[in-house]
Amino acid sequence: MSKRPRRPSWLRVKALNPRAREMISRTLTGLHTVCEEANCPNIGECYARGTATFMLMGDRCTRNCAFCMVAHGEPQPLDPGEPARLARAATELGLEHVVVTSVTRDDLPDGGAAHFAACIDELRRLKPAPSVEVLTPDFGGKEDALEIVLARRPEVFNHNVETVPRLYPEVRPEADYGRSLGVLHQAFRLAASESNPRTLVKSGLMVGLGETFDEVVVVLGDLREAGVDLVTIGQYLKPRSTKQYCEVARYVEPGEFEAYAEIARDMGFAGVASGPLVRSSYRASEQLGELKQ
């Protein structure tokens, strides 16, 4: 049996300040965040800065990925009051850029696309309206569901491929790499029909699951060919010490993340975030702001 690698110093983070948690929790009453549900390592930093990534449509996912801590089980009915609560929380937090994700809802005919649209509509009604970034599931590959979301013209449309195709059976057994690439390409095609500025397409993946350097480079090439503008690369961290989650195969050195970033920029990605603690929504507003300068 191989020895589990020891977590290196560059992955140590500050503990969540109880006062920051209490403040955010009061504001987020009736809402879920992926920060809490997925046990994100950056929760302390983000809550201290007064930001969070909202998670729509409940806290139970219809899929059971081996890297994700979000609960799996029978989902709750959609809450028609959630879009309004989301907009109210964004106002109270003073957010200029709102990142919204969701559990996967394979039980819904549109995968929850109309609910995403309703949330974007509520955010657009705010004065001033924040920019909006959506991180969606694959909607079962249904283009009509994608059209519902893209018709609202979020500033950023994100869908993560998460890992290299060879590891999908272990890491994402209910997903499909080709389908995820298809979602991204369809999003790019739909966005390309918009007047400027068009919706930017984003994706991300984790490393440290057993992939090779060359496999990551191939994925970056696939994403760029699909029309992806922004990419994130971060270290996989096992959510809990139980057998249901994938083990960490290795902790990737910071220099390797820098190498991935350089390769991605050379490929033509407009924005690249690559580092041990990078997550798909980590400092998303700053990444978008840099592109606007």
C-alpha atoms as a PDB file:
ATOM      1  CA  MET A   1       0.000   0.000   0.000  1.00  0.00           C
ATOM      2  CA  SER A   2       1.473   3.361  -1.065  1.00  0.00           C
ATOM      3  CA  LYS A   3       2.005   5.995   1.585  1.00  0.00           C
ATOM      4  CA  ARG A   4      -0.342   8.969   1.426  1.00  0.00           C
ATOM      5  CA  PRO A   5       1.598  12.136   0.460  1.00  0.00           C
ATOM      6  CA  ARG A   6       1.993  14.736   3.172  1.00  0.00           C
ATOM      7  CA  ARG A   7       0.324  18.096   2.524  1.00  0.00           C
ATOM      8  CA  PRO A   8       3.066  20.649   1.746  1.00  0.00           C
ATOM      9  CA  SER A   9       3.517  24.077   3.273  1.00  0.00           C
ATOM     10  CA  TRP A  10       2.165  25.979   0.260  1.00  0.00           C
ATOM     11  CA  LEU A  11      -1.272  24.452   0.832  1.00  0.00           C
ATOM     12  CA  ARG A  12      -1.646  25.687   4.382  1.00  0.00           C
ATOM     13  CA  VAL A  13      -4.400  28.277   4.797  1.00  0.00           C
ATOM     14  CA  LYS A  14      -5.645  30.476   7.627  1.00  0.00           C
ATOM     15  CA  ALA A  15      -8.547  29.197   9.697  1.00  0.00           C
ATOM     16  CA  LEU A  16     -11.943  30.761   9.085  1.00  0.00           C
ATOM     17  CA  ASN A  17     -12.535  33.704  11.396  1.00  0.00           C
ATOM     18  CA  PRO A  18     -15.688  32.951  13.441  1.00  0.00           C
ATOM     19  CA  ARG A  19     -16.794  36.582  13.197  1.00  0.00           C
ATOM     20  CA  ALA A  20     -16.543  36.513   9.395  1.00  0.00           C
ATOM     21  CA  ARG A  21     -18.496  33.243   9.259  1.00  0.00           C
ATOM     22  CA  GLU A  22     -21.222  34.698  11.478  1.00  0.00           C
ATOM     23  CA  MET A  23     -21.520  37.856   9.378  1.00  0.00           C
ATOM     24  CA  ILE A  24     -21.726  35.977   6.072  1.00  0.00           C
ATOM     25  CA  SER A  25     -24.072  33.344   7.502  1.00  0.00           C
ATOM     26  CA  ARG A  26     -26.556  36.022   8.590  1.00  0.00           C
ATOM     27  CA  THR A  27     -26.524  37.531   5.103  1.00  0.00           C
ATOM     28  CA  LEU A  28     -26.863  34.149   3.414  1.00  0.00           C
ATOM     29  CA  THR A  29     -29.874  32.941   5.386  1.00  0.00           C
ATOM     30  CA  GLY A  30     -31.927  30.695   3.103  1.00  0.00           C
ATOM     31  CA  LEU A  31     -29.085  30.296   0.591  1.00  0.00           C
ATOM     32  CA  HIS A  32     -26.348  27.728   0.067  1.00  0.00           C
ATOM     33  CA  THR A  33     -22.733  28.380  -0.894  1.00  0.00           C
ATOM     34  CA  VAL A  34     -20.293  26.017  -2.550  1.00  0.00           C
ATOM     35  CA  CYS A  35     -17.748  27.471  -0.121  1.00  0.00           C
ATOM     36  CA  GLU A  36     -19.452  25.637   2.741  1.00  0.00           C
ATOM     37  CA  GLU A  37     -20.923  22.633   0.953  1.00  0.00           C
ATOM     38  CA  ALA A  38     -17.710  21.699  -0.887  1.00  0.00           C
ATOM     39  CA  ASN A  39     -15.393  22.588   2.017  1.00  0.00           C
ATOM     40  CA  CYS A  40     -13.362  25.016  -0.111  1.00  0.00           C
ATOM     41  CA  PRO A  41      -9.881  25.719   1.310  1.00  0.00           C
ATOM     42  CA  ASN A  42     -10.244  29.421   0.460  1.00  0.00           C
ATOM     43  CA  ILE A  43     -13.386  29.950   2.533  1.00  0.00           C
ATOM     44  CA  GLY A  44     -11.515  31.888   5.229  1.00  0.00           C
ATOM     45  CA  GLU A  45     -10.034  34.352   2.759  1.00  0.00           C
ATOM     46  CA  CYS A  46     -13.216  34.798   0.737  1.00  0.00           C
ATOM     47  CA  TYR A  47     -15.535  35.222   3.733  1.00  0.00           C
ATOM     48  CA  ALA A  48     -13.090  37.709   5.241  1.00  0.00           C
ATOM     49  CA  ARG A  49     -13.330  39.698   1.988  1.00  0.00           C
ATOM     50  CA  GLY A  50     -17.133  39.511   2.084  1.00  0.00           C
ATOM     51  CA  THR A  51     -17.498  37.273  -0.960  1.00  0.00           C
ATOM     52  CA  ALA A  52     -19.021  33.858  -1.571  1.00  0.00           C
ATOM     53  CA  THR A  53     -20.023  31.585  -4.455  1.00  0.00           C
ATOM     54  CA  PHE A  54     -23.748  30.900  -4.316  1.00  0.00           C
ATOM     55  CA  MET A  55     -25.047  27.363  -4.926  1.00  0.00           C
ATOM     56  CA  LEU A  56     -28.556  27.122  -6.348  1.00  0.00           C
ATOM     57  CA  MET A  57     -31.315  24.510  -6.261  1.00  0.00           C
ATOM     58  CA  GLY A  58     -30.630  22.941  -2.878  1.00  0.00           C
ATOM     59  CA  ASP A  59     -27.727  21.142  -1.279  1.00  0.00           C
ATOM     60  CA  ARG A  60     -28.234  17.655  -2.707  1.00  0.00           C
ATOM     61  CA  CYS A  61     -26.860  16.593  -6.071  1.00  0.00           C
ATOM     62  CA  THR A  62     -28.286  13.912  -8.359  1.00  0.00           C
ATOM     63  CA  ARG A  63     -24.732  12.822  -9.225  1.00  0.00           C
ATOM     64  CA  ASN A  64     -22.074  11.435  -6.917  1.00  0.00           C
ATOM     65  CA  CYS A  65     -18.644  12.513  -8.157  1.00  0.00           C
ATOM     66  CA  ALA A  66     -15.677  11.056  -6.275  1.00  0.00           C
ATOM     67  CA  PHE A  67     -13.946  14.430  -5.822  1.00  0.00           C
ATOM     68  CA  CYS A  68     -16.848  16.497  -4.499  1.00  0.00           C
ATOM     69  CA  MET A  69     -18.139  16.862  -0.939  1.00  0.00           C
ATOM     70  CA  VAL A  70     -21.588  18.166  -1.941  1.00  0.00           C
ATOM     71  CA  ALA A  71     -24.201  15.705  -0.663  1.00  0.00           C
ATOM     72  CA  HIS A  72     -25.749  13.171  -3.036  1.00  0.00           C
ATOM     73  CA  GLY A  73     -29.394  12.210  -2.727  1.00  0.00           C
ATOM     74  CA  GLU A  74     -32.974  12.986  -3.655  1.00  0.00           C
ATOM     75  CA  PRO A  75     -33.114  16.734  -4.403  1.00  0.00           C
ATOM     76  CA  GLN A  76     -35.577  19.218  -2.969  1.00  0.00           C
ATOM     77  CA  PRO A  77     -38.227  20.989  -5.078  1.00  0.00           C
ATOM     78  CA  LEU A  78     -37.060  24.240  -6.627  1.00  0.00           C
ATOM     79  CA  ASP A  79     -37.580  27.276  -4.398  1.00  0.00           C
ATOM     80  CA  PRO A  80     -39.231  30.123  -6.352  1.00  0.00           C
ATOM     81  CA  GLY A  81     -38.038  32.607  -3.723  1.00  0.00           C
ATOM     82  CA  GLU A  82     -34.367  31.767  -4.193  1.00  0.00           C
ATOM     83  CA  PRO A  83     -33.646  34.259  -7.032  1.00  0.00           C
ATOM     84  CA  ALA A  84     -34.927  37.173  -4.937  1.00  0.00           C
ATOM     85  CA  ARG A  85     -32.926  36.067  -1.890  1.00  0.00           C
ATOM     86  CA  LEU A  86     -29.831  35.783  -4.069  1.00  0.00           C
ATOM     87  CA  ALA A  87     -30.258  39.346  -5.329  1.00  0.00           C
ATOM     88  CA  ARG A  88     -30.850  40.629  -1.809  1.00  0.00           C
ATOM     89  CA  ALA A  89     -27.691  38.912  -0.514  1.00  0.00           C
ATOM     90  CA  ALA A  90     -25.652  40.322  -3.400  1.00  0.00           C
ATOM     91  CA  THR A  91     -26.871  43.799  -2.480  1.00  0.00           C
ATOM     92  CA  GLU A  92     -26.134  43.400   1.231  1.00  0.00           C
ATOM     93  CA  LEU A  93     -22.631  42.125   0.486  1.00  0.00           C
ATOM     94  CA  GLY A  94     -22.038  44.934  -2.002  1.00  0.00           C
ATOM     95  CA  LEU A  95     -20.944  42.496  -4.728  1.00  0.00           C
ATOM     96  CA  GLU A  96     -19.932  43.953  -8.074  1.00  0.00           C
ATOM     97  CA  HIS A  97     -19.441  40.463  -9.556  1.00  0.00           C
ATOM     98  CA  VAL A  98     -21.701  37.560  -8.559  1.00  0.00           C
ATOM     99  CA  VAL A  99     -20.682  33.944  -9.112  1.00  0.00           C
ATOM    100  CA  VAL A 100     -23.534  31.438  -9.140  1.00  0.00           C
ATOM    101  CA  THR A 101     -23.233  27.668  -9.396  1.00  0.00           C
ATOM    102  CA  SER A 102     -25.596  24.797  -8.589  1.00  0.00           C
ATOM    103  CA  VAL A 103     -25.917  21.172  -7.748  1.00  0.00           C
ATOM    104  CA  THR A 104     -26.573  18.939 -10.762  1.00  0.00           C
ATOM    105  CA  ARG A 105     -30.311  18.410 -11.248  1.00  0.00           C
ATOM    106  CA  ASP A 106     -30.741  15.543 -13.687  1.00  0.00           C
ATOM    107  CA  ASP A 107     -34.293  15.186 -12.316  1.00  0.00           C
ATOM    108  CA  LEU A 108     -35.387  18.416 -14.028  1.00  0.00           C
ATOM    109  CA  PRO A 109     -36.244  18.420 -17.765  1.00  0.00           C
ATOM    110  CA  ASP A 110     -34.013  21.455 -18.381  1.00  0.00           C
ATOM    111  CA  GLY A 111     -31.443  20.584 -15.704  1.00  0.00           C
ATOM    112  CA  GLY A 112     -32.336  23.800 -13.892  1.00  0.00           C
ATOM    113  CA  ALA A 113     -31.527  26.171 -16.765  1.00  0.00           C
ATOM    114  CA  ALA A 114     -34.693  28.238 -16.262  1.00  0.00           C
ATOM    115  CA  HIS A 115     -33.820  28.670 -12.588  1.00  0.00           C
ATOM    116  CA  PHE A 116     -30.374  29.973 -13.539  1.00  0.00           C
ATOM    117  CA  ALA A 117     -32.104  32.390 -15.930  1.00  0.00           C
ATOM    118  CA  ALA A 118     -34.487  33.598 -13.215  1.00  0.00           C
ATOM    119  CA  CYS A 119     -31.535  34.292 -10.916  1.00  0.00           C
ATOM    120  CA  ILE A 120     -29.714  36.263 -13.614  1.00  0.00           C
ATOM    121  CA  ASP A 121     -32.904  38.261 -14.269  1.00  0.00           C
ATOM    122  CA  GLU A 122     -33.140  39.214 -10.585  1.00  0.00           C
ATOM    123  CA  LEU A 123     -29.502  40.285 -10.472  1.00  0.00           C
ATOM    124  CA  ARG A 124     -29.978  42.402 -13.619  1.00  0.00           C
ATOM    125  CA  ARG A 125     -32.738  44.337 -11.852  1.00  0.00           C
ATOM    126  CA  LEU A 126     -30.338  45.611  -9.196  1.00  0.00           C
ATOM    127  CA  LYS A 127     -29.146  49.207  -9.384  1.00  0.00           C
ATOM    128  CA  PRO A 128     -26.302  49.112 -10.138  1.00  0.00           C
ATOM    129  CA  ALA A 129     -26.442  45.611 -11.595  1.00  0.00           C
ATOM    130  CA  PRO A 130     -23.402  43.411 -10.889  1.00  0.00           C
ATOM    131  CA  SER A 131     -21.651  41.384 -13.544  1.00  0.00           C
ATOM    132  CA  VAL A 132     -22.697  37.733 -13.449  1.00  0.00           C
ATOM    133  CA  GLU A 133     -20.703  34.515 -13.763  1.00  0.00           C
ATOM    134  CA  VAL A 134     -22.527  31.198 -13.925  1.00  0.00           C
ATOM    135  CA  LEU A 135     -20.855  27.846 -13.290  1.00  0.00           C
ATOM    136  CA  THR A 136     -23.318  25.273 -14.589  1.00  0.00           C
ATOM    137  CA  PRO A 137     -23.609  21.505 -14.811  1.00  0.00           C
ATOM    138  CA  ASP A 138     -23.692  19.949 -18.283  1.00  0.00           C
ATOM    139  CA  PHE A 139     -27.540  20.005 -18.514  1.00  0.00           C
ATOM    140  CA  GLY A 140     -27.302  16.513 -19.996  1.00  0.00           C
ATOM    141  CA  GLY A 141     -25.826  18.098 -23.120  1.00  0.00           C
ATOM    142  CA  LYS A 142     -29.176  19.708 -24.041  1.00  0.00           C
ATOM    143  CA  GLU A 143     -28.553  22.719 -26.253  1.00  0.00           C
ATOM    144  CA  ASP A 144     -32.001  24.198 -25.592  1.00  0.00           C
ATOM    145  CA  ALA A 145     -31.107  24.385 -21.884  1.00  0.00           C
ATOM    146  CA  LEU A 146     -27.862  26.176 -22.724  1.00  0.00           C
ATOM    147  CA  GLU A 147     -29.789  28.604 -24.916  1.00  0.00           C
ATOM    148  CA  ILE A 148     -31.994  29.548 -21.959  1.00  0.00           C
ATOM    149  CA  VAL A 149     -28.954  30.525 -19.883  1.00  0.00           C
ATOM    150  CA  LEU A 150     -26.916  32.168 -22.663  1.00  0.00           C
ATOM    151  CA  ALA A 151     -29.947  34.241 -23.734  1.00  0.00           C
ATOM    152  CA  ARG A 152     -29.489  36.149 -20.451  1.00  0.00           C
ATOM    153  CA  ARG A 153     -25.965  37.049 -21.532  1.00  0.00           C
ATOM    154  CA  PRO A 154     -24.030  36.444 -18.334  1.00  0.00           C
ATOM    155  CA  GLU A 155     -20.610  38.051 -18.494  1.00  0.00           C
ATOM    156  CA  VAL A 156     -19.008  34.620 -17.951  1.00  0.00           C
ATOM    157  CA  PHE A 157     -20.324  31.120 -18.665  1.00  0.00           C
ATOM    158  CA  ASN A 158     -18.329  28.439 -16.847  1.00  0.00           C
ATOM    159  CA  HIS A 159     -18.490  24.671 -17.050  1.00  0.00           C
ATOM    160  CA  ASN A 160     -15.621  22.640 -15.610  1.00  0.00           C
ATOM    161  CA  VAL A 161     -14.165  19.555 -17.262  1.00  0.00           C
ATOM    162  CA  GLU A 162     -12.548  18.849 -13.847  1.00  0.00           C
ATOM    163  CA  THR A 163      -9.969  16.243 -14.936  1.00  0.00           C
ATOM    164  CA  VAL A 164      -8.360  14.462 -17.890  1.00  0.00           C
ATOM    165  CA  PRO A 165     -10.543  12.040 -19.904  1.00  0.00           C
ATOM    166  CA  ARG A 166      -8.661   8.902 -18.748  1.00  0.00           C
ATOM    167  CA  LEU A 167      -9.706   9.562 -15.136  1.00  0.00           C
ATOM    168  CA  TYR A 168     -13.423  10.204 -15.788  1.00  0.00           C
ATOM    169  CA  PRO A 169     -14.560   6.652 -14.894  1.00  0.00           C
ATOM    170  CA  GLU A 170     -13.019   7.068 -11.449  1.00  0.00           C
ATOM    171  CA  VAL A 171     -13.491  10.790 -10.797  1.00  0.00           C
ATOM    172  CA  ARG A 172     -16.676  11.685 -12.716  1.00  0.00           C
ATOM    173  CA  PRO A 173     -18.397   8.347 -13.493  1.00  0.00           C
ATOM    174  CA  GLU A 174     -21.751   9.939 -14.368  1.00  0.00           C
ATOM    175  CA  ALA A 175     -20.242  12.637 -16.605  1.00  0.00           C
ATOM    176  CA  ASP A 176     -18.642  12.471 -20.037  1.00  0.00           C
ATOM    177  CA  TYR A 177     -15.574  14.393 -21.212  1.00  0.00           C
ATOM    178  CA  GLY A 178     -16.843  14.709 -24.781  1.00  0.00           C
ATOM    179  CA  ARG A 179     -20.206  15.985 -23.550  1.00  0.00           C
ATOM    180  CA  SER A 180     -18.532  18.619 -21.375  1.00  0.00           C
ATOM    181  CA  LEU A 181     -16.398  19.782 -24.303  1.00  0.00           C
ATOM    182  CA  GLY A 182     -19.565  19.898 -26.393  1.00  0.00           C
ATOM    183  CA  VAL A 183     -21.275  22.120 -23.807  1.00  0.00           C
ATOM    184  CA  LEU A 184     -18.343  24.535 -23.886  1.00  0.00           C
ATOM    185  CA  HIS A 185     -18.243  24.619 -27.674  1.00  0.00           C
ATOM    186  CA  GLN A 186     -22.006  25.170 -27.864  1.00  0.00           C
ATOM    187  CA  ALA A 187     -21.711  27.977 -25.320  1.00  0.00           C
ATOM    188  CA  PHE A 188     -18.973  29.605 -27.389  1.00  0.00           C
ATOM    189  CA  ARG A 189     -21.027  29.269 -30.563  1.00  0.00           C
ATOM    190  CA  LEU A 190     -24.110  30.780 -28.914  1.00  0.00           C
ATOM    191  CA  ALA A 191     -22.039  33.576 -27.362  1.00  0.00           C
ATOM    192  CA  ALA A 192     -20.336  34.328 -30.676  1.00  0.00           C
ATOM    193  CA  SER A 193     -23.708  35.346 -32.127  1.00  0.00           C
ATOM    194  CA  GLU A 194     -24.018  38.126 -29.526  1.00  0.00           C
ATOM    195  CA  SER A 195     -23.070  41.724 -30.080  1.00  0.00           C
ATOM    196  CA  ASN A 196     -19.971  42.875 -28.206  1.00  0.00           C
ATOM    197  CA  PRO A 197     -19.111  42.350 -25.460  1.00  0.00           C
ATOM    198  CA  ARG A 198     -19.982  38.676 -25.769  1.00  0.00           C
ATOM    199  CA  THR A 199     -20.205  36.178 -22.925  1.00  0.00           C
ATOM    200  CA  LEU A 200     -16.781  34.765 -22.079  1.00  0.00           C
ATOM    201  CA  VAL A 201     -16.504  30.983 -21.850  1.00  0.00           C
ATOM    202  CA  LYS A 202     -14.564  29.485 -18.953  1.00  0.00           C
ATOM    203  CA  SER A 203     -13.531  26.047 -17.734  1.00  0.00           C
ATOM    204  CA  GLY A 204     -11.250  24.490 -15.164  1.00  0.00           C
ATOM    205  CA  LEU A 205      -9.614  21.314 -13.981  1.00  0.00           C
ATOM    206  CA  MET A 206      -7.911  19.825 -10.942  1.00  0.00           C
ATOM    207  CA  VAL A 207      -4.487  18.215 -10.901  1.00  0.00           C
ATOM    208  CA  GLY A 208      -2.974  15.760  -8.456  1.00  0.00           C
ATOM    209  CA  LEU A 209      -5.435  12.957  -9.232  1.00  0.00           C
ATOM    210  CA  GLY A 210      -2.968  10.812 -11.179  1.00  0.00           C
ATOM    211  CA  GLU A 211      -2.891  12.645 -14.511  1.00  0.00           C
ATOM    212  CA  THR A 212       0.352  13.271 -16.393  1.00  0.00           C
ATOM    213  CA  PHE A 213       1.750  16.644 -17.436  1.00  0.00           C
ATOM    214  CA  ASP A 214       1.137  15.824 -21.111  1.00  0.00           C
ATOM    215  CA  GLU A 215      -2.484  14.856 -20.417  1.00  0.00           C
ATOM    216  CA  VAL A 216      -3.113  18.267 -18.854  1.00  0.00           C
ATOM    217  CA  VAL A 217      -1.585  19.971 -21.886  1.00  0.00           C
ATOM    218  CA  VAL A 218      -3.887  17.960 -24.173  1.00  0.00           C
ATOM    219  CA  VAL A 219      -6.922  19.055 -22.133  1.00  0.00           C
ATOM    220  CA  LEU A 220      -5.812  22.689 -22.385  1.00  0.00           C
ATOM    221  CA  GLY A 221      -5.608  22.278 -26.157  1.00  0.00           C
ATOM    222  CA  ASP A 222      -9.077  20.708 -26.258  1.00  0.00           C
ATOM    223  CA  LEU A 223     -10.517  23.580 -24.215  1.00  0.00           C
ATOM    224  CA  ARG A 224      -8.959  26.215 -26.420  1.00  0.00           C
ATOM    225  CA  GLU A 225     -10.200  24.466 -29.556  1.00  0.00           C
ATOM    226  CA  ALA A 226     -13.701  24.411 -28.042  1.00  0.00           C
ATOM    227  CA  GLY A 227     -13.587  28.218 -27.735  1.00  0.00           C
ATOM    228  CA  VAL A 228     -12.796  28.558 -24.037  1.00  0.00           C
ATOM    229  CA  ASP A 229     -11.459  32.018 -23.116  1.00  0.00           C
ATOM    230  CA  LEU A 230     -10.617  31.603 -19.429  1.00  0.00           C
ATOM    231  CA  VAL A 231      -9.113  28.597 -17.672  1.00  0.00           C
ATOM    232  CA  THR A 232      -8.378  27.676 -14.055  1.00  0.00           C
ATOM    233  CA  ILE A 233      -6.064  24.932 -12.771  1.00  0.00           C
ATOM    234  CA  GLY A 234      -5.832  23.977  -9.095  1.00  0.00           C
ATOM    235  CA  GLN A 235      -4.707  21.224  -6.749  1.00  0.00           C
ATOM    236  CA  TYR A 236      -7.196  18.474  -5.879  1.00  0.00           C
ATOM    237  CA  LEU A 237      -7.673  18.103  -2.146  1.00  0.00           C
ATOM    238  CA  LYS A 238      -9.555  15.139  -0.715  1.00  0.00           C
ATOM    239  CA  PRO A 239     -12.644  16.492   1.096  1.00  0.00           C
ATOM    240  CA  ARG A 240     -12.687  13.906   3.869  1.00  0.00           C
ATOM    241  CA  SER A 241     -10.738  10.835   4.949  1.00  0.00           C
ATOM    242  CA  THR A 242     -13.283   8.312   3.689  1.00  0.00           C
ATOM    243  CA  LYS A 243     -13.131   5.775   0.880  1.00  0.00           C
ATOM    244  CA  GLN A 244     -15.880   7.459  -1.158  1.00  0.00           C
ATOM    245  CA  TYR A 245     -13.478  10.197  -2.315  1.00  0.00           C
ATOM    246  CA  CYS A 246     -10.451   9.913  -4.596  1.00  0.00           C
ATOM    247  CA  GLU A 247      -7.075   9.911  -2.912  1.00  0.00           C
ATOM    248  CA  VAL A 248      -4.538  12.625  -3.686  1.00  0.00           C
ATOM    249  CA  ALA A 249      -1.985  11.010  -5.988  1.00  0.00           C
ATOM    250  CA  ARG A 250       0.521  13.840  -5.537  1.00  0.00           C
ATOM    251  CA  TYR A 251       0.819  17.468  -4.538  1.00  0.00           C
ATOM    252  CA  VAL A 252       1.815  19.430  -7.602  1.00  0.00           C
ATOM    253  CA  GLU A 253       4.748  21.804  -7.176  1.00  0.00           C
ATOM    254  CA  PRO A 254       4.071  25.553  -7.681  1.00  0.00           C
ATOM    255  CA  GLY A 255       6.564  25.569 -10.566  1.00  0.00           C
ATOM    256  CA  GLU A 256       4.448  23.064 -12.477  1.00  0.00           C
ATOM    257  CA  PHE A 257       1.403  25.304 -12.113  1.00  0.00           C
ATOM    258  CA  GLU A 258       3.474  28.149 -13.546  1.00  0.00           C
ATOM    259  CA  ALA A 259       4.425  25.920 -16.482  1.00  0.00           C
ATOM    260  CA  TYR A 260       0.767  25.122 -17.181  1.00  0.00           C
ATOM    261  CA  ALA A 261      -0.050  28.838 -17.050  1.00  0.00           C
ATOM    262  CA  GLU A 262       2.673  29.685 -19.553  1.00  0.00           C
ATOM    263  CA  ILE A 263       1.520  26.957 -21.927  1.00  0.00           C
ATOM    264  CA  ALA A 264      -2.104  28.112 -21.638  1.00  0.00           C
ATOM    265  CA  ARG A 265      -1.182  31.724 -22.398  1.00  0.00           C
ATOM    266  CA  ASP A 266       0.828  30.595 -25.414  1.00  0.00           C
ATOM    267  CA  MET A 267      -2.260  28.731 -26.623  1.00  0.00           C
ATOM    268  CA  GLY A 268      -4.192  32.002 -26.617  1.00  0.00           C
ATOM    269  CA  PHE A 269      -6.342  31.870 -23.479  1.00  0.00           C
ATOM    270  CA  ALA A 270      -7.373  35.405 -22.541  1.00  0.00           C
ATOM    271  CA  GLY A 271      -7.210  34.664 -18.821  1.00  0.00           C
ATOM    272  CA  VAL A 272      -5.345  31.975 -16.878  1.00  0.00           C
ATOM    273  CA  ALA A 273      -5.386  31.241 -13.139  1.00  0.00           C
ATOM    274  CA  SER A 274      -3.099  28.353 -12.207  1.00  0.00           C
ATOM    275  CA  GLY A 275      -1.905  27.602  -8.679  1.00  0.00           C
ATOM    276  CA  PRO A 276      -2.239  25.161  -5.797  1.00  0.00           C
ATOM    277  CA  LEU A 277      -5.198  26.940  -4.176  1.00  0.00           C
ATOM    278  CA  VAL A 278      -6.902  28.127  -7.355  1.00  0.00           C
ATOM    279  CA  ARG A 279     -10.559  27.129  -7.698  1.00  0.00           C
ATOM    280  CA  SER A 280     -12.926  27.870 -10.553  1.00  0.00           C
ATOM    281  CA  SER A 281     -14.522  30.851  -8.803  1.00  0.00           C
ATOM    282  CA  TYR A 282     -11.518  31.977  -6.741  1.00  0.00           C
ATOM    283  CA  ARG A 283     -11.025  35.743  -7.188  1.00  0.00           C
ATOM    284  CA  ALA A 284     -13.221  35.539 -10.282  1.00  0.00           C
ATOM    285  CA  SER A 285     -14.023  39.249 -10.171  1.00  0.00           C
ATOM    286  CA  GLU A 286     -10.324  40.108 -10.340  1.00  0.00           C
ATOM    287  CA  GLN A 287      -9.794  37.818 -13.342  1.00  0.00           C
ATOM    288  CA  LEU A 288     -12.671  39.492 -15.184  1.00  0.00           C
ATOM    289  CA  GLY A 289     -11.502  42.961 -14.125  1.00  0.00           C
ATOM    290  CA  GLU A 290      -8.029  42.365 -15.545  1.00  0.00           C
ATOM    291  CA  LEU A 291      -9.555  41.598 -18.948  1.00  0.00           C
ATOM    292  CA  LYS A 292     -11.513  44.859 -18.926  1.00  0.00           C
ATOM    293  CA  GLN A 293      -8.410  46.987 -18.335  1.00  0.00           C
END
